[in-house]
């Protein structure tokens, strides 16, 4: 992993509402955690080198505005949403790692809300990755049943973004 990639991840985490981020790929582990003062502590460990080799970088950033606590609906184990185990729900998944945006710009209305009727080619959100804004489509005809992420949140590849009650 290159230092520029780590810096880009730090910027994404800093600009998002997540408090903790961890990533592991080919023996390299990166873990970032925001503390109460808005600082990001980043620890990178490579298992190819010495087992105890660690590097810590601290970045000063303004403390994020306090938002009401919202229960996390998605975990690394899977989806934790009460859908009454109904198989009529289709998950719209993130096709990439990036930042989720619910509207085309901050001063415009969201693409969809809970209850919005969508068609397969209806744009439901944008995922921004490396300065590219990628429109995400509904993939199925139906109605938005649940929005699983918040505007500005960092999302992972394959992470569920919406539940759609398919027609």
N, C-alpha and C. Protein backbone atom coordinates (compact mmCIF):
# COMPACT_ATOMS: atom_id res chain seq x y z
N UNK A 1 0.85 -1.18 0.00
CA UNK A 1 0.00 0.00 0.00
C UNK A 1 0.89 1.23 0.00
N UNK A 2 0.57 2.15 -0.88
CA UNK A 2 1.37 3.37 -1.02
C UNK A 2 0.90 4.42 -0.03
N UNK A 3 1.79 5.32 0.35
CA UNK A 3 1.47 6.38 1.31
C UNK A 3 0.36 7.28 0.78
N UNK A 4 0.32 7.50 -0.53
CA UNK A 4 -0.74 8.34 -1.12
C UNK A 4 -2.11 7.69 -0.92
N UNK A 5 -2.18 6.37 -1.04
CA UNK A 5 -3.43 5.65 -0.81
C UNK A 5 -3.87 5.80 0.64
N UNK A 6 -2.91 5.72 1.56
CA UNK A 6 -3.23 5.88 2.99
C UNK A 6 -3.73 7.30 3.25
N UNK A 7 -3.07 8.29 2.64
CA UNK A 7 -3.53 9.68 2.81
C UNK A 7 -4.94 9.87 2.29
N UNK A 8 -5.27 9.26 1.16
CA UNK A 8 -6.61 9.37 0.59
C UNK A 8 -7.65 8.74 1.53
N UNK A 9 -7.29 7.59 2.12
CA UNK A 9 -8.20 6.94 3.07
C UNK A 9 -8.39 7.84 4.30
N UNK A 10 -7.32 8.46 4.77
CA UNK A 10 -7.43 9.36 5.92
C UNK A 10 -8.39 10.50 5.60
N UNK A 11 -8.28 11.08 4.40
CA UNK A 11 -9.18 12.17 4.01
C UNK A 11 -10.63 11.69 3.98
N UNK A 12 -10.88 10.51 3.43
CA UNK A 12 -12.24 9.97 3.36
C UNK A 12 -12.82 9.73 4.75
N UNK A 13 -12.01 9.14 5.64
CA UNK A 13 -12.49 8.87 7.00
C UNK A 13 -12.73 10.19 7.73
N UNK A 14 -11.81 11.14 7.56
CA UNK A 14 -11.93 12.44 8.22
C UNK A 14 -13.20 13.16 7.78
N UNK A 15 -13.53 13.08 6.51
CA UNK A 15 -14.70 13.78 5.99
C UNK A 15 -16.01 13.04 6.18
N UNK A 16 -15.96 11.85 6.73
CA UNK A 16 -17.17 11.06 6.90
C UNK A 16 -17.64 11.07 8.36
N UNK A 17 -18.76 10.44 8.59
CA UNK A 17 -19.31 10.38 9.95
C UNK A 17 -18.89 9.11 10.69
N UNK A 18 -18.06 8.27 10.06
CA UNK A 18 -17.64 7.05 10.76
C UNK A 18 -16.56 7.38 11.78
N UNK A 19 -16.51 6.61 12.85
CA UNK A 19 -15.55 6.84 13.91
C UNK A 19 -14.36 5.89 13.84
N UNK A 20 -14.53 4.75 13.14
CA UNK A 20 -13.47 3.76 13.12
C UNK A 20 -13.46 3.07 11.76
N UNK A 21 -12.27 2.79 11.24
CA UNK A 21 -12.11 2.15 9.94
C UNK A 21 -10.94 1.19 10.02
N UNK A 22 -11.12 -0.02 9.49
CA UNK A 22 -9.99 -0.94 9.41
C UNK A 22 -10.01 -1.63 8.06
N UNK A 23 -8.81 -1.96 7.55
CA UNK A 23 -8.65 -2.53 6.23
C UNK A 23 -7.45 -3.47 6.27
N UNK A 24 -7.59 -4.63 5.64
CA UNK A 24 -6.50 -5.59 5.58
C UNK A 24 -6.42 -6.15 4.18
N UNK A 25 -5.22 -6.12 3.59
CA UNK A 25 -5.03 -6.64 2.25
C UNK A 25 -3.59 -7.07 2.08
N UNK A 26 -3.37 -8.30 1.64
CA UNK A 26 -2.05 -8.86 1.37
C UNK A 26 -1.06 -8.60 2.51
N UNK A 27 -1.46 -8.89 3.72
CA UNK A 27 -0.57 -8.78 4.87
C UNK A 27 -0.40 -7.39 5.43
N UNK A 28 -1.07 -6.39 4.85
CA UNK A 28 -0.99 -5.02 5.35
C UNK A 28 -2.30 -4.70 6.04
N UNK A 29 -2.21 -4.22 7.28
CA UNK A 29 -3.39 -3.85 8.05
C UNK A 29 -3.36 -2.35 8.30
N UNK A 30 -4.47 -1.68 8.03
CA UNK A 30 -4.60 -0.25 8.31
C UNK A 30 -5.83 -0.09 9.20
N UNK A 31 -5.65 0.57 10.34
CA UNK A 31 -6.76 0.80 11.24
C UNK A 31 -6.73 2.27 11.64
N UNK A 32 -7.87 2.95 11.47
CA UNK A 32 -7.99 4.36 11.82
C UNK A 32 -9.15 4.52 12.78
N UNK A 33 -8.96 5.36 13.76
CA UNK A 33 -10.00 5.59 14.75
C UNK A 33 -9.99 7.06 15.12
N UNK A 34 -11.18 7.69 15.04
CA UNK A 34 -11.30 9.09 15.46
C UNK A 34 -11.52 9.10 16.96
N UNK A 35 -10.78 9.96 17.65
CA UNK A 35 -11.07 10.12 19.07
C UNK A 35 -11.98 11.32 19.24
N UNK A 36 -12.39 11.65 20.45
CA UNK A 36 -13.34 12.71 20.71
C UNK A 36 -12.92 14.08 20.21
N UNK A 37 -11.62 14.35 20.06
CA UNK A 37 -11.16 15.66 19.63
C UNK A 37 -11.14 15.81 18.12
N UNK A 38 -11.56 14.78 17.39
CA UNK A 38 -11.57 14.87 15.94
C UNK A 38 -10.25 14.49 15.31
N UNK A 39 -9.29 13.98 16.10
CA UNK A 39 -8.03 13.54 15.53
C UNK A 39 -8.18 12.13 15.01
N UNK A 40 -7.46 11.84 13.94
CA UNK A 40 -7.45 10.48 13.41
C UNK A 40 -6.13 9.85 13.79
N UNK A 41 -6.21 8.69 14.41
CA UNK A 41 -5.00 7.94 14.71
C UNK A 41 -4.98 6.78 13.74
N UNK A 42 -3.92 6.67 12.96
CA UNK A 42 -3.81 5.65 11.93
C UNK A 42 -2.64 4.75 12.27
N UNK A 43 -2.90 3.44 12.29
CA UNK A 43 -1.85 2.48 12.56
C UNK A 43 -1.76 1.55 11.37
N UNK A 44 -0.56 1.37 10.85
CA UNK A 44 -0.35 0.49 9.71
C UNK A 44 0.65 -0.59 10.11
N UNK A 45 0.30 -1.85 9.87
CA UNK A 45 1.18 -2.96 10.22
C UNK A 45 1.35 -3.84 9.00
N UNK A 46 2.57 -4.17 8.68
CA UNK A 46 2.84 -5.09 7.58
C UNK A 46 3.35 -6.39 8.17
N UNK A 47 2.71 -7.51 7.81
CA UNK A 47 3.14 -8.81 8.34
C UNK A 47 4.30 -9.38 7.55
N UNK A 48 4.60 -8.79 6.37
CA UNK A 48 5.73 -9.26 5.59
C UNK A 48 7.05 -8.85 6.22
N UNK A 49 7.04 -7.73 6.95
CA UNK A 49 8.24 -7.25 7.60
C UNK A 49 8.24 -7.77 9.02
N UNK A 50 8.88 -7.04 9.91
CA UNK A 50 8.92 -7.46 11.31
C UNK A 50 7.51 -7.51 11.86
N UNK A 51 7.16 -8.54 12.64
CA UNK A 51 5.80 -8.69 13.13
C UNK A 51 5.33 -7.52 13.98
N UNK A 52 6.20 -6.82 14.64
CA UNK A 52 5.79 -5.73 15.53
C UNK A 52 5.97 -4.36 14.88
N UNK A 53 6.28 -4.28 13.58
CA UNK A 53 6.52 -2.99 12.92
C UNK A 53 5.20 -2.23 12.82
N UNK A 54 5.13 -1.09 13.47
CA UNK A 54 3.94 -0.27 13.42
C UNK A 54 4.33 1.18 13.19
N UNK A 55 3.45 1.90 12.50
CA UNK A 55 3.68 3.31 12.24
C UNK A 55 2.39 4.03 12.60
N UNK A 56 2.48 5.09 13.40
CA UNK A 56 1.29 5.84 13.81
C UNK A 56 1.40 7.27 13.31
N UNK A 57 0.33 7.74 12.70
CA UNK A 57 0.27 9.10 12.19
C UNK A 57 -0.94 9.76 12.81
N UNK A 58 -0.80 10.98 13.32
CA UNK A 58 -1.94 11.70 13.85
C UNK A 58 -2.18 12.92 13.00
N UNK A 59 -3.44 13.16 12.69
CA UNK A 59 -3.83 14.30 11.88
C UNK A 59 -4.80 15.13 12.68
N UNK A 60 -4.54 16.43 12.79
CA UNK A 60 -5.49 17.30 13.47
C UNK A 60 -6.59 17.68 12.49
N UNK A 61 -7.80 17.54 12.93
CA UNK A 61 -8.96 17.90 12.11
C UNK A 61 -10.01 18.47 13.05
N UNK A 62 -10.88 19.33 12.54
CA UNK A 62 -11.93 19.85 13.41
C UNK A 62 -12.83 18.73 13.89
N UNK A 63 -13.28 18.85 15.12
CA UNK A 63 -14.16 17.83 15.67
C UNK A 63 -15.46 17.80 14.88
N UNK A 64 -15.95 16.60 14.54
CA UNK A 64 -17.18 16.53 13.77
C UNK A 64 -18.36 17.02 14.61
N UNK A 65 -19.33 17.60 13.92
CA UNK A 65 -20.53 18.07 14.61
C UNK A 65 -21.25 16.87 15.21
N UNK A 66 -21.75 17.04 16.41
CA UNK A 66 -22.46 15.95 17.08
C UNK A 66 -23.82 15.76 16.41
N UNK A 67 -24.07 14.52 16.02
CA UNK A 67 -25.34 14.18 15.42
C UNK A 67 -26.05 13.20 16.35
N UNK A 68 -27.36 13.12 16.25
CA UNK A 68 -28.04 12.14 17.09
C UNK A 68 -27.55 10.73 16.74
N UNK A 69 -27.40 9.91 17.75
CA UNK A 69 -26.93 8.57 17.53
C UNK A 69 -27.97 7.75 16.77
N UNK A 70 -27.54 7.13 15.68
CA UNK A 70 -28.41 6.29 14.89
C UNK A 70 -27.83 4.89 14.93
N UNK A 71 -28.67 3.92 15.21
CA UNK A 71 -28.19 2.55 15.31
C UNK A 71 -27.63 2.10 13.97
N UNK A 72 -26.47 1.46 13.99
CA UNK A 72 -25.86 0.96 12.77
C UNK A 72 -26.66 -0.22 12.27
N UNK A 73 -27.05 -0.16 11.00
CA UNK A 73 -27.89 -1.20 10.43
C UNK A 73 -27.11 -2.26 9.69
N UNK A 74 -25.83 -1.97 9.37
CA UNK A 74 -25.02 -2.91 8.60
C UNK A 74 -23.78 -3.26 9.40
N UNK A 75 -23.50 -4.53 9.53
CA UNK A 75 -22.29 -4.96 10.22
C UNK A 75 -21.44 -5.76 9.26
N UNK A 76 -20.22 -6.08 9.67
CA UNK A 76 -19.34 -6.85 8.79
C UNK A 76 -19.86 -8.28 8.60
N UNK A 77 -20.73 -8.74 9.51
CA UNK A 77 -21.28 -10.08 9.38
C UNK A 77 -22.45 -10.13 8.40
N UNK A 78 -23.07 -8.99 8.12
CA UNK A 78 -24.21 -8.99 7.21
C UNK A 78 -25.20 -7.92 7.59
N UNK A 79 -26.40 -8.09 7.14
CA UNK A 79 -27.45 -7.09 7.30
C UNK A 79 -28.19 -7.31 8.60
N UNK A 80 -28.36 -6.26 9.38
CA UNK A 80 -29.09 -6.33 10.65
C UNK A 80 -30.30 -5.40 10.58
N UNK A 81 -31.26 -5.75 9.74
CA UNK A 81 -32.44 -4.92 9.54
C UNK A 81 -33.66 -5.79 9.73
N UNK A 82 -34.67 -5.28 10.43
CA UNK A 82 -35.88 -6.06 10.65
C UNK A 82 -36.76 -5.97 9.41
N UNK A 83 -36.67 -6.98 8.57
CA UNK A 83 -37.48 -7.03 7.36
C UNK A 83 -38.47 -8.18 7.43
N UNK A 84 -38.69 -8.71 8.62
CA UNK A 84 -39.60 -9.83 8.83
C UNK A 84 -39.25 -11.02 7.94
N UNK A 85 -37.94 -11.13 7.59
CA UNK A 85 -37.44 -12.21 6.75
C UNK A 85 -38.22 -12.35 5.45
N UNK A 86 -38.75 -11.26 4.92
CA UNK A 86 -39.49 -11.25 3.68
C UNK A 86 -38.50 -11.28 2.52
N UNK A 87 -38.64 -12.24 1.62
CA UNK A 87 -37.70 -12.37 0.51
C UNK A 87 -38.02 -11.42 -0.63
N UNK A 88 -39.06 -10.60 -0.51
CA UNK A 88 -39.40 -9.63 -1.55
C UNK A 88 -38.47 -8.43 -1.54
N UNK A 89 -37.56 -8.35 -0.58
CA UNK A 89 -36.65 -7.22 -0.50
C UNK A 89 -35.40 -7.48 -1.31
N UNK A 90 -35.06 -6.51 -2.14
CA UNK A 90 -33.83 -6.56 -2.93
C UNK A 90 -32.84 -5.58 -2.32
N UNK A 91 -31.60 -6.01 -2.14
CA UNK A 91 -30.56 -5.14 -1.60
C UNK A 91 -29.85 -4.46 -2.76
N UNK A 92 -29.76 -3.14 -2.71
CA UNK A 92 -28.92 -2.42 -3.66
C UNK A 92 -27.57 -2.29 -2.98
N UNK A 93 -26.55 -2.88 -3.59
CA UNK A 93 -25.22 -2.94 -2.99
C UNK A 93 -24.30 -1.89 -3.61
N UNK A 94 -23.35 -1.44 -2.82
CA UNK A 94 -22.35 -0.50 -3.33
C UNK A 94 -21.39 -1.26 -4.25
N UNK A 95 -21.19 -0.77 -5.48
CA UNK A 95 -20.29 -1.45 -6.40
C UNK A 95 -18.82 -1.12 -6.17
N UNK A 96 -18.55 -0.24 -5.18
CA UNK A 96 -17.17 0.20 -4.95
C UNK A 96 -17.03 0.80 -3.56
N UNK A 97 -15.81 1.02 -3.15
CA UNK A 97 -15.52 1.74 -1.92
C UNK A 97 -15.58 3.22 -2.26
N UNK A 98 -16.25 4.00 -1.44
CA UNK A 98 -16.35 5.43 -1.70
C UNK A 98 -17.24 6.12 -0.69
N UNK A 99 -17.66 7.33 -1.02
CA UNK A 99 -18.52 8.12 -0.15
C UNK A 99 -19.92 8.16 -0.74
N UNK A 100 -20.92 7.84 0.08
CA UNK A 100 -22.32 7.79 -0.34
C UNK A 100 -22.93 9.20 -0.29
N UNK A 101 -23.59 9.59 -1.37
CA UNK A 101 -24.32 10.87 -1.41
C UNK A 101 -25.74 10.59 -1.85
N UNK A 102 -26.70 11.12 -1.10
CA UNK A 102 -28.11 10.88 -1.40
C UNK A 102 -28.68 11.83 -2.43
N UNK A 103 -27.96 12.89 -2.78
CA UNK A 103 -28.46 13.87 -3.74
C UNK A 103 -27.34 14.31 -4.67
N UNK A 104 -27.71 14.91 -5.83
CA UNK A 104 -26.68 15.33 -6.78
C UNK A 104 -25.80 16.46 -6.27
N UNK A 105 -26.31 17.28 -5.36
CA UNK A 105 -25.52 18.33 -4.72
C UNK A 105 -26.14 18.63 -3.36
N UNK A 106 -25.38 19.25 -2.45
CA UNK A 106 -25.89 19.47 -1.09
C UNK A 106 -27.17 20.29 -1.00
N UNK A 107 -27.42 21.17 -1.97
CA UNK A 107 -28.60 22.02 -1.90
C UNK A 107 -29.80 21.46 -2.67
N UNK A 108 -29.69 20.24 -3.17
CA UNK A 108 -30.79 19.61 -3.91
C UNK A 108 -31.42 18.49 -3.08
N UNK A 109 -32.63 18.13 -3.47
CA UNK A 109 -33.37 17.07 -2.78
C UNK A 109 -32.73 15.71 -3.05
N UNK A 110 -32.90 14.77 -2.11
CA UNK A 110 -32.37 13.41 -2.33
C UNK A 110 -33.00 12.75 -3.55
N UNK A 111 -32.25 11.84 -4.17
CA UNK A 111 -32.78 11.09 -5.31
C UNK A 111 -34.02 10.31 -4.91
N UNK A 112 -33.95 9.64 -3.75
CA UNK A 112 -35.08 8.82 -3.28
C UNK A 112 -35.23 8.97 -1.77
N UNK A 113 -36.42 8.63 -1.31
CA UNK A 113 -36.72 8.55 0.12
C UNK A 113 -37.48 7.26 0.35
N UNK A 114 -37.66 6.88 1.59
CA UNK A 114 -38.45 5.69 1.89
C UNK A 114 -39.85 5.91 1.31
N UNK A 115 -40.31 4.94 0.55
CA UNK A 115 -41.62 5.04 -0.09
C UNK A 115 -41.56 5.45 -1.55
N UNK A 116 -40.42 5.90 -2.03
CA UNK A 116 -40.29 6.30 -3.43
C UNK A 116 -40.39 5.09 -4.34
N UNK A 117 -41.22 5.19 -5.39
CA UNK A 117 -41.33 4.13 -6.41
C UNK A 117 -40.17 4.31 -7.38
N UNK A 118 -39.48 3.21 -7.67
CA UNK A 118 -38.32 3.26 -8.56
C UNK A 118 -38.45 2.21 -9.66
N UNK A 119 -37.80 2.48 -10.79
CA UNK A 119 -37.67 1.50 -11.85
C UNK A 119 -36.22 1.04 -11.87
N UNK A 120 -35.93 0.02 -12.65
CA UNK A 120 -34.59 -0.58 -12.64
C UNK A 120 -33.50 0.42 -13.02
N UNK A 121 -33.81 1.39 -13.88
CA UNK A 121 -32.80 2.34 -14.32
C UNK A 121 -32.87 3.68 -13.57
N UNK A 122 -33.62 3.74 -12.50
CA UNK A 122 -33.77 4.96 -11.69
C UNK A 122 -32.53 5.16 -10.83
N UNK A 123 -31.91 6.35 -10.90
CA UNK A 123 -30.74 6.65 -10.08
C UNK A 123 -31.21 6.86 -8.63
N UNK A 124 -30.56 6.14 -7.69
CA UNK A 124 -30.96 6.22 -6.28
C UNK A 124 -29.95 6.98 -5.42
N UNK A 125 -28.68 7.07 -5.88
CA UNK A 125 -27.64 7.76 -5.12
C UNK A 125 -26.40 7.91 -5.96
N UNK A 126 -25.39 8.53 -5.36
CA UNK A 126 -24.07 8.65 -5.97
C UNK A 126 -23.06 8.07 -4.99
N UNK A 127 -22.08 7.33 -5.51
CA UNK A 127 -20.94 6.90 -4.71
C UNK A 127 -19.71 7.54 -5.36
N UNK A 128 -19.04 8.40 -4.58
CA UNK A 128 -17.86 9.12 -5.07
C UNK A 128 -16.62 8.36 -4.67
N UNK A 129 -15.78 8.08 -5.66
CA UNK A 129 -14.52 7.39 -5.42
C UNK A 129 -13.44 8.06 -6.25
N UNK A 130 -12.42 8.53 -5.59
CA UNK A 130 -11.28 9.16 -6.25
C UNK A 130 -11.72 10.29 -7.19
N UNK A 131 -12.57 11.15 -6.68
CA UNK A 131 -13.06 12.34 -7.39
C UNK A 131 -13.99 12.02 -8.56
N UNK A 132 -14.41 10.78 -8.70
CA UNK A 132 -15.37 10.40 -9.73
C UNK A 132 -16.71 10.11 -9.07
N UNK A 133 -17.77 10.72 -9.60
CA UNK A 133 -19.11 10.55 -9.05
C UNK A 133 -19.85 9.52 -9.88
N UNK A 134 -20.15 8.37 -9.27
CA UNK A 134 -20.76 7.24 -9.95
C UNK A 134 -22.23 7.13 -9.55
N UNK A 135 -23.13 7.24 -10.52
CA UNK A 135 -24.56 7.12 -10.25
C UNK A 135 -24.91 5.65 -10.07
N UNK A 136 -25.64 5.36 -8.99
CA UNK A 136 -26.05 3.99 -8.69
C UNK A 136 -27.53 3.87 -9.01
N UNK A 137 -27.88 2.84 -9.78
CA UNK A 137 -29.27 2.64 -10.19
C UNK A 137 -29.94 1.58 -9.32
N UNK A 138 -31.28 1.59 -9.32
CA UNK A 138 -32.06 0.71 -8.45
C UNK A 138 -31.95 -0.77 -8.80
N UNK A 139 -31.73 -1.11 -10.05
CA UNK A 139 -31.55 -2.49 -10.53
C UNK A 139 -32.85 -3.28 -10.61
N UNK A 140 -33.89 -2.88 -9.89
CA UNK A 140 -35.18 -3.56 -9.92
C UNK A 140 -36.31 -2.53 -9.87
N UNK A 141 -37.50 -2.95 -10.30
CA UNK A 141 -38.68 -2.11 -10.14
C UNK A 141 -39.25 -2.37 -8.76
N UNK A 142 -39.63 -1.32 -8.06
CA UNK A 142 -40.20 -1.50 -6.73
C UNK A 142 -40.31 -0.21 -5.97
N UNK A 143 -40.29 -0.33 -4.64
CA UNK A 143 -40.43 0.81 -3.74
C UNK A 143 -39.32 0.77 -2.70
N UNK A 144 -38.69 1.92 -2.45
CA UNK A 144 -37.63 1.99 -1.45
C UNK A 144 -38.23 1.69 -0.08
N UNK A 145 -37.77 0.62 0.55
CA UNK A 145 -38.30 0.22 1.86
C UNK A 145 -37.44 0.78 2.99
N UNK A 146 -36.12 0.87 2.75
CA UNK A 146 -35.23 1.35 3.81
C UNK A 146 -33.94 1.86 3.20
N UNK A 147 -33.44 2.97 3.77
CA UNK A 147 -32.14 3.53 3.39
C UNK A 147 -31.19 3.15 4.52
N UNK A 148 -30.12 2.41 4.20
CA UNK A 148 -29.27 1.80 5.21
C UNK A 148 -28.03 2.60 5.57
N UNK A 149 -27.75 3.68 4.84
CA UNK A 149 -26.57 4.49 5.11
C UNK A 149 -26.96 5.97 5.16
N UNK A 150 -26.08 6.77 5.76
CA UNK A 150 -26.33 8.20 5.88
C UNK A 150 -25.56 8.96 4.81
N UNK A 151 -26.06 10.12 4.46
CA UNK A 151 -25.40 10.98 3.49
C UNK A 151 -23.99 11.31 3.96
N UNK A 152 -23.01 11.16 3.08
CA UNK A 152 -21.62 11.46 3.42
C UNK A 152 -20.88 10.31 4.08
N UNK A 153 -21.53 9.18 4.26
CA UNK A 153 -20.91 8.03 4.92
C UNK A 153 -19.99 7.28 3.96
N UNK A 154 -18.86 6.80 4.46
CA UNK A 154 -17.95 5.96 3.69
C UNK A 154 -18.57 4.58 3.59
N UNK A 155 -18.64 4.04 2.38
CA UNK A 155 -19.22 2.71 2.17
C UNK A 155 -18.18 1.78 1.57
N UNK A 156 -18.36 0.51 1.81
CA UNK A 156 -17.45 -0.53 1.33
C UNK A 156 -18.03 -1.20 0.09
N UNK A 157 -17.18 -1.89 -0.65
CA UNK A 157 -17.63 -2.70 -1.78
C UNK A 157 -18.60 -3.76 -1.28
N UNK A 158 -19.75 -3.88 -1.92
CA UNK A 158 -20.73 -4.90 -1.55
C UNK A 158 -21.60 -4.56 -0.36
N UNK A 159 -21.42 -3.38 0.24
CA UNK A 159 -22.22 -3.00 1.40
C UNK A 159 -23.64 -2.64 0.94
N UNK A 160 -24.67 -3.17 1.60
CA UNK A 160 -26.04 -2.81 1.26
C UNK A 160 -26.31 -1.32 1.53
N UNK A 161 -26.89 -0.65 0.53
CA UNK A 161 -27.22 0.77 0.64
C UNK A 161 -28.71 1.00 0.86
N UNK A 162 -29.53 0.20 0.16
CA UNK A 162 -30.99 0.34 0.20
C UNK A 162 -31.63 -1.04 0.23
N UNK A 163 -32.84 -1.09 0.77
CA UNK A 163 -33.70 -2.25 0.61
C UNK A 163 -34.86 -1.79 -0.26
N UNK A 164 -35.15 -2.56 -1.31
CA UNK A 164 -36.24 -2.23 -2.22
C UNK A 164 -37.25 -3.37 -2.18
N UNK A 165 -38.51 -3.01 -1.96
CA UNK A 165 -39.57 -4.02 -2.03
C UNK A 165 -39.91 -4.19 -3.48
N UNK A 166 -39.48 -5.32 -4.04
CA UNK A 166 -39.63 -5.56 -5.49
C UNK A 166 -41.08 -5.78 -5.86
N UNK A 167 -41.44 -5.32 -7.06
CA UNK A 167 -42.81 -5.53 -7.59
C UNK A 167 -42.98 -6.93 -8.08
